[in-house]
Amino acid sequence: MTTIGLTTRDVARELARRYSTMTHEELDVLESILVPMKFPKGEFILKEGEVCTNIYWVVKGLIRQFYFKNGKELTEHLAAENTICMSIESLFKEQPSHQQIQTIEPTIVFAMPKDRLEHEAVRNTNIQMLYRKILEESLILSQIKADMLRFESAPERYAKLVKRSPQLVLRTPLVYIASYLQMTPETLSRVRTSALLDDK
């Protein structure tokens, strides 16, 4: 399938380049696993109470992963182009998710169904390597965020996000960025103003 100028083969090549070297035959296998999905802005990719069965690779758009606590939405993760998103606990426990995944912009993802991925990983070392590297990356990013929230000040958190993902900061509504960085919108506004003044 071709979408936004990318074929499923293009996406398979990019995943292989990023996570694991593959032969043409192995790319054929990975390509057969990928499922292109298109969502309008504001659409739910995963709702609370549903079981997450896919790992999602974002090729266009922007999505957020969030949950409710005491009646408030808390943003867990933000993902733009060339990044992975999943509800990892639901995926591996095969239990209903407490988290939800929703598009912020019109979005195209390529889903990798966990059952297909695991079936091929048993038979193919490089598919297994890709699967492992994706999970490693997800765990490392979770640890980085946890450490950021534990040890860094609000200005340091914002500066790190701007340095790591400038496009994400420009495109994401401030209320979601504030939630992701665990600060109020008012605090984020002060931090942003201070950062702009420092840059002058």
Foldseek 3Di string as FASTA:
>chain_A
DADPNDDLLNVLVVLCVVFNPDDPVVSVLSSVQKDKDWDAAFDWPADFFAAWFWKKAWQAAKKWKWADDPRDIFTADIDGHGAIDTQVVSNVVVGGGRMIMGTRHTTMIIIGGPVSLVVVVVVDVRSVRSVVRNVVVVVVVNVVLVCCLVPHDLLVLVVVCCVVPVPRVVRDPLCNVCSNSVHHSVVVVVSVVVVVVVVD
